[in-house]
Amino acid sequence: MSNTVSRRTFLAGAATAAAAGATRSGAIDANFKTGFIPSDTSFMDQYYHGAMRMVQSMRDTQLDTIVSAMETAYGLKSKGGSINSHVVYGHYSMFAGSRDVPGQPWVLPQCGITPTQAEFDAMKKGDFLITDRVCENTRKVRERGVYVVGVTNNYFKFNRTPEDFLRPDRHQLSLEDISDLVIDSQVPYDNGFVHAPQLPQVALCPASGISQFSVYWACTAALATLIGTKGKGNASGAVKRYLDILLERFEMVGADRPKVDWIAEKWADLVLGSKARMLVYGHPQQVQSYDGARNIFVNDAYICSSSARIADQFEKKANDVRRNDIVLIGAFNSDNAEEISVARYARSRGAYTVAFCPYDCEGDSSGLRLFKEVDHALNTYAGERAGVIDAPEFPEKVSPVAGLTGDLVLWLLTAQWTDHMARRGEMPCYWKGAHENGGNEFNALAKEIFDKRGY
């Protein structure tokens, strides 16, 4: 590729290469391109509009499929079958549906980070499995009579994945090969919504978390409705309502993009002027850890495919927080004592503290609140105590939006920080998915650049 490339030419070329099955094949190059024309659309806006399109398209095209899947699940459960959920890719999804998430009714019981052999062995004819993983075990349980619903995911081959985009071992089976029914999450095959002409090797800022759990919580809304009404409830209405509420909340978050922009600009000032590190915190959830991370937002920000390399776990550097470091705290609610304690500690060390959380709980913003304890905060507009869908016979509303609106804020901030850095000629390093062809090689080269600069 020439070093002189317009954004329009680059994107058109990338699309052509993808169609030909040649995307990002060839020599691995982690260098940043020069001579490009900056995009007229900020990276933050690219992410926001991509997320909105994805959820809207899900609502417009997948409603009947989601309802059909959950009617099947309910019917099999009524006949004594078990319901299983393996919606665990990528990093966000490992923790997003854990049992301690407010609004999780556990009607689609999640496995851990990776389902065990014992869990597969226990599945029998007449059971139900929803999954975003493609593996031999899933193919085998389907062959012995488990009804499998697949959710499209960029980590595994599905009908939009170009040939040779994934590692060879990821091309042995496709999602369609192991599924009776496929819900299209609308996820882009290359995961990211941000296309930076400076770094065409990677699509930046992942869509995987929002795509997978928009589907999972919509399915939960439908299934809880059917269970609570003994199969007579309006599952379609529950799915519509959930996705409509989610889109409304995303619009509220989007209205705060001017604030996102100036916070992200300050981040760029601190990284370039003070060699700031970016440390991410959220209270530990009741989950198996991933490389030490036990929180939905930390795990998504940290070494996730298409994420910025600068993001690190706060716990790893807690004893070495420096003046002008950036400490980002993500929260489901605004009154968690551990998150408030970290905010106070980080500010006492002179760090620049930013939080995203709901500003209230069902209308109450009194008392100690995280957003009052940081330098700047962004509202996730998810002040419910639990979920947003009333399902008969369930003690609390099901299917929350807090995790999804929080993830949107996380990636808007990351995208716009990247935009400010890139427009100053300091494009940050990103992680390429290890599941992608050449991902490990790219990351090894990018590490050398990151280690020298710190971003």
Protein backbone atom coordinates (compact mmCIF):
# COMPACT_ATOMS: atom_id res chain seq x y z
CA MET A 1 0.00 0.00 0.00
CA SER A 2 1.27 3.45 -0.85
CA ASN A 3 2.10 5.76 2.02
CA THR A 4 0.03 8.44 0.32
CA VAL A 5 -3.58 7.37 0.62
CA SER A 6 -6.85 9.21 1.03
CA ARG A 7 -9.38 7.90 3.50
CA ARG A 8 -11.89 7.23 0.71
CA THR A 9 -9.31 5.34 -1.33
CA PHE A 10 -8.19 3.34 1.70
CA LEU A 11 -11.67 2.29 2.71
CA ALA A 12 -12.61 1.40 -0.85
CA GLY A 13 -9.42 -0.63 -1.18
CA ALA A 14 -10.04 -2.40 2.10
CA ALA A 15 -13.56 -3.33 1.04
CA THR A 16 -12.31 -4.67 -2.29
CA ALA A 17 -9.62 -6.72 -0.56
CA ALA A 18 -12.16 -8.12 1.88
CA ALA A 19 -14.45 -9.17 -0.95
CA ALA A 20 -11.53 -10.93 -2.60
CA GLY A 21 -10.68 -12.76 0.61
CA ALA A 22 -7.31 -11.04 0.84
CA THR A 23 -7.84 -8.65 3.74
CA ARG A 24 -4.68 -8.08 5.76
CA SER A 25 -2.90 -11.04 4.21
CA GLY A 26 0.72 -10.76 3.19
CA ALA A 27 3.56 -9.21 5.16
CA ILE A 28 2.79 -8.19 8.73
CA ASP A 29 3.47 -4.49 9.26
CA ALA A 30 2.80 -2.70 12.56
CA ASN A 31 4.00 0.70 11.35
CA PHE A 32 1.72 3.72 11.06
CA LYS A 33 0.94 5.12 7.63
CA THR A 34 1.90 8.66 6.68
CA GLY A 35 0.66 11.05 4.05
CA PHE A 36 -2.99 10.24 4.77
CA ILE A 37 -5.88 12.70 4.72
CA PRO A 38 -7.55 12.88 8.17
CA SER A 39 -11.13 11.74 8.28
CA ASP A 40 -13.94 14.29 8.35
CA THR A 41 -15.74 12.01 10.82
CA SER A 42 -14.14 11.79 14.25
CA PHE A 43 -13.29 8.35 15.57
CA MET A 44 -15.80 8.90 18.38
CA ASP A 45 -18.56 9.53 15.85
CA GLN A 46 -17.52 6.52 13.80
CA TYR A 47 -17.95 4.32 16.87
CA TYR A 48 -21.21 5.91 17.96
CA HIS A 49 -22.88 5.66 14.56
CA GLY A 50 -21.60 2.10 14.12
CA ALA A 51 -23.09 1.02 17.45
CA MET A 52 -26.41 2.69 16.68
CA ARG A 53 -26.61 1.08 13.24
CA MET A 54 -25.77 -2.32 14.69
CA VAL A 55 -28.48 -2.31 17.36
CA GLN A 56 -31.06 -0.75 15.05
CA SER A 57 -30.34 -3.38 12.40
CA MET A 58 -30.65 -6.08 15.04
CA ARG A 59 -34.06 -4.74 15.97
CA ASP A 60 -35.13 -4.44 12.31
CA THR A 61 -33.95 -7.85 11.10
CA GLN A 62 -33.54 -10.29 14.01
CA LEU A 63 -36.72 -9.89 16.05
CA ASP A 64 -38.47 -12.96 14.69
CA THR A 65 -35.32 -15.07 14.96
CA ILE A 66 -34.74 -14.11 18.60
CA VAL A 67 -38.37 -14.88 19.46
CA SER A 68 -38.25 -18.20 17.61
CA ALA A 69 -35.07 -19.17 19.47
CA MET A 70 -36.56 -18.38 22.86
CA GLU A 71 -39.89 -20.09 22.08
CA THR A 72 -37.87 -23.20 21.25
CA ALA A 73 -35.89 -22.84 24.48
CA TYR A 74 -39.10 -22.48 26.49
CA GLY A 75 -40.71 -25.48 24.75
CA LEU A 76 -37.71 -27.71 25.42
CA LYS A 77 -37.53 -26.56 29.04
CA SER A 78 -41.23 -27.36 29.46
CA LYS A 79 -40.50 -30.93 28.37
CA GLY A 80 -37.67 -31.34 30.88
CA GLY A 81 -34.75 -30.12 28.79
CA SER A 82 -31.97 -27.98 30.23
CA ILE A 83 -31.07 -24.51 28.96
CA ASN A 84 -27.41 -23.61 28.52
CA SER A 85 -25.64 -20.43 27.41
CA HIS A 86 -22.09 -20.10 26.10
CA VAL A 87 -22.22 -16.45 24.99
CA VAL A 88 -18.70 -15.70 26.23
CA TYR A 89 -16.74 -14.10 23.36
CA GLY A 90 -15.02 -11.63 23.47
CA HIS A 91 -13.58 -10.13 26.64
CA TYR A 92 -16.68 -8.14 27.63
CA SER A 93 -18.94 -11.13 27.20
CA MET A 94 -16.93 -13.30 29.59
CA PHE A 95 -18.27 -11.27 32.51
CA ALA A 96 -21.32 -9.42 31.16
CA GLY A 97 -23.80 -12.15 32.03
CA SER A 98 -22.35 -13.27 35.34
CA ARG A 99 -24.82 -14.16 38.03
CA ASP A 100 -24.12 -11.07 40.17
CA VAL A 101 -25.04 -8.55 37.46
CA PRO A 102 -28.13 -6.58 38.57
CA GLY A 103 -31.09 -7.62 36.42
CA GLN A 104 -29.71 -11.08 35.58
CA PRO A 105 -32.57 -13.58 36.17
CA TRP A 106 -30.39 -16.55 35.16
CA VAL A 107 -32.89 -17.97 32.69
CA LEU A 108 -30.00 -18.36 30.21
CA PRO A 109 -27.38 -19.75 32.62
CA GLN A 110 -23.91 -18.78 31.50
CA CYS A 111 -20.85 -21.00 31.63
CA GLY A 112 -17.51 -19.62 32.80
CA ILE A 113 -14.88 -18.09 30.53
CA THR A 114 -14.70 -21.42 28.69
CA PRO A 115 -17.26 -24.22 29.01
CA THR A 116 -15.85 -27.38 30.53
CA GLN A 117 -15.87 -30.82 28.99
CA ALA A 118 -18.16 -31.93 31.82
CA GLU A 119 -20.72 -29.30 30.79
CA PHE A 120 -20.75 -30.60 27.24
CA ASP A 121 -20.91 -34.21 28.42
CA ALA A 122 -23.99 -33.42 30.52
CA MET A 123 -25.98 -32.14 27.53
CA LYS A 124 -28.50 -34.57 26.12
CA LYS A 125 -31.14 -34.80 23.40
CA GLY A 126 -33.88 -32.26 24.05
CA ASP A 127 -31.57 -29.71 25.71
CA PHE A 128 -31.00 -26.17 24.42
CA LEU A 129 -27.75 -24.27 23.89
CA ILE A 130 -27.20 -20.68 22.76
CA THR A 131 -23.58 -20.00 21.90
CA ASP A 132 -21.21 -17.62 20.14
CA ARG A 133 -18.36 -20.19 20.14
CA VAL A 134 -17.54 -22.54 17.30
CA CYS A 135 -15.93 -25.81 18.33
CA GLU A 136 -16.07 -29.57 17.87
CA ASN A 137 -17.83 -30.07 21.21
CA THR A 138 -20.72 -27.89 20.09
CA ARG A 139 -20.98 -29.76 16.80
CA LYS A 140 -21.06 -33.07 18.68
CA VAL A 141 -23.81 -32.07 21.12
CA ARG A 142 -25.92 -30.87 18.22
CA GLU A 143 -25.45 -34.22 16.49
CA ARG A 144 -26.79 -35.99 19.56
CA GLY A 145 -29.94 -33.88 19.68
CA VAL A 146 -29.17 -30.64 21.51
CA TYR A 147 -30.86 -27.68 19.81
CA VAL A 148 -28.13 -25.11 19.11
CA VAL A 149 -28.70 -21.42 18.46
CA GLY A 150 -25.59 -19.63 17.21
CA VAL A 151 -24.89 -15.91 17.65
CA THR A 152 -22.58 -14.42 15.03
CA ASN A 153 -19.26 -13.38 16.53
CA ASN A 154 -16.13 -11.95 14.95
CA TYR A 155 -13.87 -14.41 16.77
CA PHE A 156 -15.20 -17.32 14.70
CA LYS A 157 -16.10 -17.87 11.07
CA PHE A 158 -19.59 -16.95 9.95
CA ASN A 159 -21.16 -16.08 6.62
CA ARG A 160 -19.55 -12.61 6.34
CA THR A 161 -16.01 -13.65 7.29
CA PRO A 162 -13.63 -13.35 4.31
CA GLU A 163 -11.48 -16.34 3.48
CA ASP A 164 -8.05 -16.20 5.14
CA PHE A 165 -9.08 -13.45 7.59
CA LEU A 166 -8.95 -15.81 10.59
CA ARG A 167 -6.18 -18.16 11.65
CA PRO A 168 -6.40 -21.47 9.75
CA ASP A 169 -7.64 -23.37 12.82
CA ARG A 170 -10.60 -20.97 13.03
CA HIS A 171 -11.68 -21.87 9.50
CA GLN A 172 -12.37 -25.56 10.06
CA LEU A 173 -15.98 -24.94 11.09
CA SER A 174 -18.33 -22.00 10.68
CA LEU A 175 -21.10 -20.90 13.02
CA GLU A 176 -23.62 -22.11 10.46
CA ASP A 177 -22.04 -25.60 10.57
CA ILE A 178 -22.78 -26.06 14.27
CA SER A 179 -26.16 -24.27 14.56
CA ASP A 180 -29.81 -25.17 14.02
CA LEU A 181 -30.68 -21.46 14.01
CA VAL A 182 -28.44 -18.39 13.72
CA ILE A 183 -29.10 -14.99 15.30
CA ASP A 184 -27.13 -12.37 13.40
CA SER A 185 -25.75 -9.96 15.99
CA GLN A 186 -24.74 -7.62 13.14
CA VAL A 187 -21.16 -7.64 14.43
CA PRO A 188 -18.56 -6.64 11.82
CA TYR A 189 -16.33 -9.57 10.93
CA ASP A 190 -13.25 -7.51 11.87
CA ASN A 191 -14.79 -6.36 15.18
CA GLY A 192 -14.00 -2.62 15.21
CA PHE A 193 -16.13 0.34 14.23
CA VAL A 194 -13.25 2.80 13.86
CA HIS A 195 -11.17 2.81 10.69
CA ALA A 196 -8.09 4.94 11.10
CA PRO A 197 -6.14 5.65 7.92
CA GLN A 198 -3.01 5.79 10.09
CA LEU A 199 -3.43 2.15 11.17
CA PRO A 200 -5.29 0.21 8.46
CA GLN A 201 -4.06 -3.14 9.80
CA VAL A 202 -6.66 -3.14 12.60
CA ALA A 203 -10.31 -2.12 12.90
CA LEU A 204 -10.29 -0.17 16.16
CA CYS A 205 -12.61 -0.21 19.21
CA PRO A 206 -14.52 -3.49 19.43
CA ALA A 207 -18.17 -4.05 18.64
CA SER A 208 -18.17 -7.56 20.08
CA GLY A 209 -19.37 -6.69 23.60
CA ILE A 210 -22.34 -4.60 22.55
CA SER A 211 -23.31 -6.98 19.74
CA GLN A 212 -23.28 -10.13 21.86
CA PHE A 213 -25.08 -8.76 24.88
CA SER A 214 -27.69 -6.80 23.00
CA VAL A 215 -28.67 -10.25 21.72
CA TYR A 216 -28.26 -11.98 25.09
CA TRP A 217 -30.36 -9.48 27.07
CA ALA A 218 -33.02 -9.34 24.33
CA CYS A 219 -33.21 -13.14 24.49
CA THR A 220 -33.39 -12.98 28.29
CA ALA A 221 -36.30 -10.53 28.08
CA ALA A 222 -38.19 -12.87 25.75
CA LEU A 223 -37.51 -16.07 27.69
CA ALA A 224 -38.29 -14.55 31.10
CA THR A 225 -41.59 -13.29 29.67
CA LEU A 226 -42.45 -16.77 28.39
CA ILE A 227 -41.46 -18.46 31.65
CA GLY A 228 -43.37 -15.95 33.77
CA THR A 229 -46.55 -16.33 31.69
CA LYS A 230 -46.27 -20.11 31.10
CA GLY A 231 -45.73 -19.54 27.41
CA LYS A 232 -48.59 -17.09 26.84
CA GLY A 233 -46.72 -13.77 27.13
CA ASN A 234 -45.72 -11.35 24.39
CA ALA A 235 -42.10 -12.34 23.81
CA SER A 236 -41.89 -10.22 20.68
CA GLY A 237 -43.04 -7.16 22.60
CA ALA A 238 -40.41 -7.77 25.28
CA VAL A 239 -37.62 -7.94 22.69
CA LYS A 240 -38.85 -4.80 20.92
CA ARG A 241 -39.11 -2.92 24.18
CA TYR A 242 -35.64 -3.94 25.32
CA LEU A 243 -33.95 -2.90 22.07
CA ASP A 244 -35.97 0.32 21.86
CA ILE A 245 -34.93 1.27 25.40
CA LEU A 246 -31.32 0.44 24.60
CA LEU A 247 -31.39 2.67 21.52
CA GLU A 248 -32.95 5.50 23.53
CA ARG A 249 -30.23 5.24 26.17
CA PHE A 250 -27.53 5.13 23.50
CA GLU A 251 -28.95 8.37 22.10
CA MET A 252 -28.70 9.93 25.57
CA VAL A 253 -25.06 8.87 25.83
CA GLY A 254 -24.46 10.21 22.33
CA ALA A 255 -25.75 13.63 23.33
CA ASP A 256 -22.77 13.88 25.71
CA ARG A 257 -20.17 13.52 22.96
CA PRO A 258 -18.94 17.14 23.37
CA LYS A 259 -17.98 16.24 26.95
CA VAL A 260 -16.40 13.00 25.80
CA ASP A 261 -14.35 15.04 23.35
CA TRP A 262 -12.82 17.42 25.87
CA ILE A 263 -12.10 14.64 28.37
CA ALA A 264 -10.38 12.69 25.60
CA GLU A 265 -8.38 15.78 24.60
CA LYS A 266 -7.14 16.12 28.18
CA TRP A 267 -6.13 12.47 28.09
CA ALA A 268 -4.04 13.18 24.99
CA ASP A 269 -2.45 16.19 26.73
CA LEU A 270 -1.51 14.04 29.72
CA VAL A 271 -0.17 11.12 27.69
CA LEU A 272 1.99 13.33 25.49
CA GLY A 273 2.91 15.93 28.10
CA SER A 274 3.30 13.82 31.23
CA LYS A 275 3.76 10.26 29.93
CA ALA A 276 0.52 9.34 31.69
CA ARG A 277 -0.54 5.73 31.96
CA MET A 278 -4.20 4.71 31.60
CA LEU A 279 -5.39 2.54 34.50
CA VAL A 280 -8.89 1.07 34.44
CA TYR A 281 -10.89 -0.06 37.48
CA GLY A 282 -14.23 -1.62 38.25
CA HIS A 283 -15.20 -3.62 41.33
CA PRO A 284 -14.36 -7.35 41.17
CA GLN A 285 -17.32 -9.44 40.03
CA GLN A 286 -18.05 -13.00 41.12
CA VAL A 287 -16.31 -14.49 38.11
CA GLN A 288 -13.26 -16.49 37.11
CA SER A 289 -10.46 -14.02 36.43
CA TYR A 290 -8.89 -13.42 33.05
CA ASP A 291 -5.20 -12.54 33.46
CA GLY A 292 -6.13 -10.96 36.79
CA ALA A 293 -9.14 -9.01 35.50
CA ARG A 294 -12.48 -9.72 37.20
CA ASN A 295 -14.60 -6.84 35.95
CA ILE A 296 -16.63 -6.41 32.78
CA PHE A 297 -15.21 -3.01 31.79
CA VAL A 298 -11.63 -3.71 32.84
CA ASN A 299 -11.59 -6.94 30.90
CA ASP A 300 -12.95 -5.26 27.77
CA ALA A 301 -10.49 -2.36 27.91
CA TYR A 302 -7.48 -4.55 28.68
CA ILE A 303 -5.73 -6.59 25.94
CA CYS A 304 -8.98 -7.12 24.07
CA SER A 305 -8.95 -7.52 20.30
CA SER A 306 -9.17 -4.04 18.73
CA SER A 307 -8.48 -2.28 22.04
CA ALA A 308 -5.80 0.33 22.80
CA ARG A 309 -2.62 -1.14 24.28
CA ILE A 310 -2.31 1.69 26.81
CA ALA A 311 -5.22 0.46 28.95
CA ASP A 312 -3.99 -1.47 31.99
CA GLN A 313 -5.54 -2.89 35.16
CA PHE A 314 -5.55 -0.43 38.05
CA GLU A 315 -4.82 -3.22 40.53
CA LYS A 316 -1.52 -3.97 38.84
CA LYS A 317 -0.27 -0.42 39.42
CA ALA A 318 -2.25 0.50 42.57
CA ASN A 319 0.89 0.96 44.66
CA ASP A 320 2.51 3.11 41.99
CA VAL A 321 -0.21 5.55 40.92
CA ARG A 322 1.55 8.69 39.75
CA ARG A 323 0.59 12.32 39.42
CA ASN A 324 -1.20 12.90 36.09
CA ASP A 325 -1.83 9.21 35.46
CA ILE A 326 -5.31 8.63 34.02
CA VAL A 327 -7.57 6.48 36.22
CA LEU A 328 -10.82 5.42 34.56
CA ILE A 329 -13.54 3.79 36.70
CA GLY A 330 -16.48 2.03 35.08
CA ALA A 331 -19.54 1.08 37.11
CA PHE A 332 -23.00 -0.54 36.90
CA ASN A 333 -24.21 1.76 39.68
CA SER A 334 -22.88 4.86 41.40
CA ASP A 335 -22.62 3.85 45.06
CA ASN A 336 -20.17 0.95 45.13
CA ALA A 337 -17.85 1.50 48.09
CA GLU A 338 -14.81 -0.10 46.42
CA GLU A 339 -15.09 2.12 43.34
CA ILE A 340 -15.55 5.25 45.45
CA SER A 341 -12.51 4.28 47.54
CA VAL A 342 -10.35 3.87 44.42
CA ALA A 343 -11.53 7.26 43.09
CA ARG A 344 -10.55 8.98 46.33
CA TYR A 345 -7.20 7.22 46.51
CA ALA A 346 -6.32 8.01 42.88
CA ARG A 347 -7.21 11.69 43.34
CA SER A 348 -5.10 11.83 46.49
CA ARG A 349 -2.13 10.71 44.38
CA GLY A 350 -2.71 13.45 41.83
CA ALA A 351 -4.14 11.21 39.10
CA TYR A 352 -6.74 12.53 36.67
CA THR A 353 -9.85 10.56 37.55
CA VAL A 354 -12.76 9.90 35.20
CA ALA A 355 -15.78 7.68 35.85
CA PHE A 356 -18.75 6.46 33.86
CA CYS A 357 -21.79 5.30 35.78
CA PRO A 358 -25.50 6.02 36.19
CA TYR A 359 -25.87 9.25 38.16
CA ASP A 360 -28.77 7.91 40.22
CA CYS A 361 -30.59 4.78 41.27
CA GLU A 362 -34.22 4.95 40.22
CA GLY A 363 -34.25 8.71 40.66
CA ASP A 364 -32.17 8.94 43.83
CA SER A 365 -28.73 10.57 43.50
CA SER A 366 -28.29 11.50 47.17
CA GLY A 367 -25.49 10.32 49.43
CA LEU A 368 -22.09 9.06 48.37
CA ARG A 369 -21.90 8.72 44.60
CA LEU A 370 -18.98 7.83 42.37
CA PHE A 371 -19.57 10.70 39.96
CA LYS A 372 -19.10 13.15 42.84
CA GLU A 373 -15.71 11.68 43.75
CA VAL A 374 -13.85 12.05 40.44
CA ASP A 375 -12.50 14.95 38.40
CA HIS A 376 -14.98 14.34 35.60
CA ALA A 377 -17.77 11.81 35.03
CA LEU A 378 -20.07 10.66 32.26
CA ASN A 379 -23.61 9.45 32.83
CA THR A 380 -24.51 6.00 31.50
CA TYR A 381 -28.25 6.78 31.83
CA ALA A 382 -29.00 3.41 33.40
CA GLY A 383 -30.30 4.28 36.85
CA GLU A 384 -32.48 1.20 37.32
CA ARG A 385 -31.76 -0.97 40.34
CA ALA A 386 -31.82 -4.02 38.05
CA GLY A 387 -33.17 -4.49 34.52
CA VAL A 388 -35.63 -2.60 32.31
CA ILE A 389 -38.19 -5.30 31.41
CA ASP A 390 -41.12 -6.33 33.62
CA ALA A 391 -41.48 -10.11 33.45
CA PRO A 392 -44.35 -11.70 35.40
CA GLU A 393 -43.32 -13.77 38.44
CA PHE A 394 -39.80 -12.33 38.55
CA PRO A 395 -39.09 -10.24 41.66
CA GLU A 396 -37.12 -7.55 39.78
CA LYS A 397 -37.06 -6.25 36.25
CA VAL A 398 -34.82 -8.29 33.98
CA SER A 399 -32.31 -7.43 31.23
CA PRO A 400 -30.19 -4.45 32.26
CA VAL A 401 -28.76 -1.75 29.99
CA ALA A 402 -26.06 -0.46 32.38
CA GLY A 403 -23.32 -2.72 31.04
CA LEU A 404 -24.05 -1.83 27.44
CA THR A 405 -24.33 1.93 27.89
CA GLY A 406 -21.15 1.77 29.99
CA ASP A 407 -19.32 -0.10 27.25
CA LEU A 408 -20.47 2.51 24.74
CA VAL A 409 -18.96 5.28 26.90
CA LEU A 410 -15.72 3.30 27.29
CA TRP A 411 -15.23 3.03 23.56
CA LEU A 412 -16.35 6.57 22.76
CA LEU A 413 -13.68 7.84 25.15
CA THR A 414 -11.05 5.48 23.74
CA ALA A 415 -11.93 6.31 20.15
CA GLN A 416 -11.81 10.06 20.69
CA TRP A 417 -8.57 9.92 22.67
CA THR A 418 -7.14 8.03 19.70
CA ASP A 419 -8.48 10.71 17.36
CA HIS A 420 -6.78 13.50 19.31
CA MET A 421 -3.53 11.56 19.43
CA ALA A 422 -3.64 10.70 15.74
CA ARG A 423 -4.31 14.29 14.64
CA ARG A 424 -1.14 15.28 16.52
CA GLY A 425 0.83 12.68 14.58
CA GLU A 426 0.98 10.25 17.54
CA MET A 427 -1.24 7.36 16.53
CA PRO A 428 -1.55 4.92 19.51
CA CYS A 429 -0.81 1.21 19.28
CA TYR A 430 -3.72 -1.23 19.26
CA TRP A 431 -4.13 -4.95 19.77
CA LYS A 432 -4.90 -7.03 16.71
CA GLY A 433 -6.96 -10.12 17.48
CA ALA A 434 -4.86 -13.21 18.13
CA HIS A 435 -7.61 -15.13 16.34
CA GLU A 436 -6.92 -13.16 13.14
CA ASN A 437 -4.40 -14.24 10.55
CA GLY A 438 -1.10 -12.61 11.51
CA GLY A 439 -2.48 -11.26 14.78
CA ASN A 440 0.26 -12.60 17.01
CA GLU A 441 2.96 -11.41 14.63
CA PHE A 442 1.45 -7.93 14.43
CA ASN A 443 1.20 -7.70 18.21
CA ALA A 444 4.83 -8.69 18.66
CA LEU A 445 5.92 -5.88 16.34
CA ALA A 446 3.52 -3.37 17.90
CA LYS A 447 4.87 -4.20 21.36
CA GLU A 448 8.26 -2.84 20.39
CA ILE A 449 6.70 0.48 19.40
CA PHE A 450 4.50 0.59 22.49
CA ASP A 451 7.35 -0.19 24.87
CA LYS A 452 9.37 2.72 23.50
CA ARG A 453 6.55 5.28 23.67
CA GLY A 454 4.13 4.05 26.33
CA TYR A 455 1.21 4.38 23.94
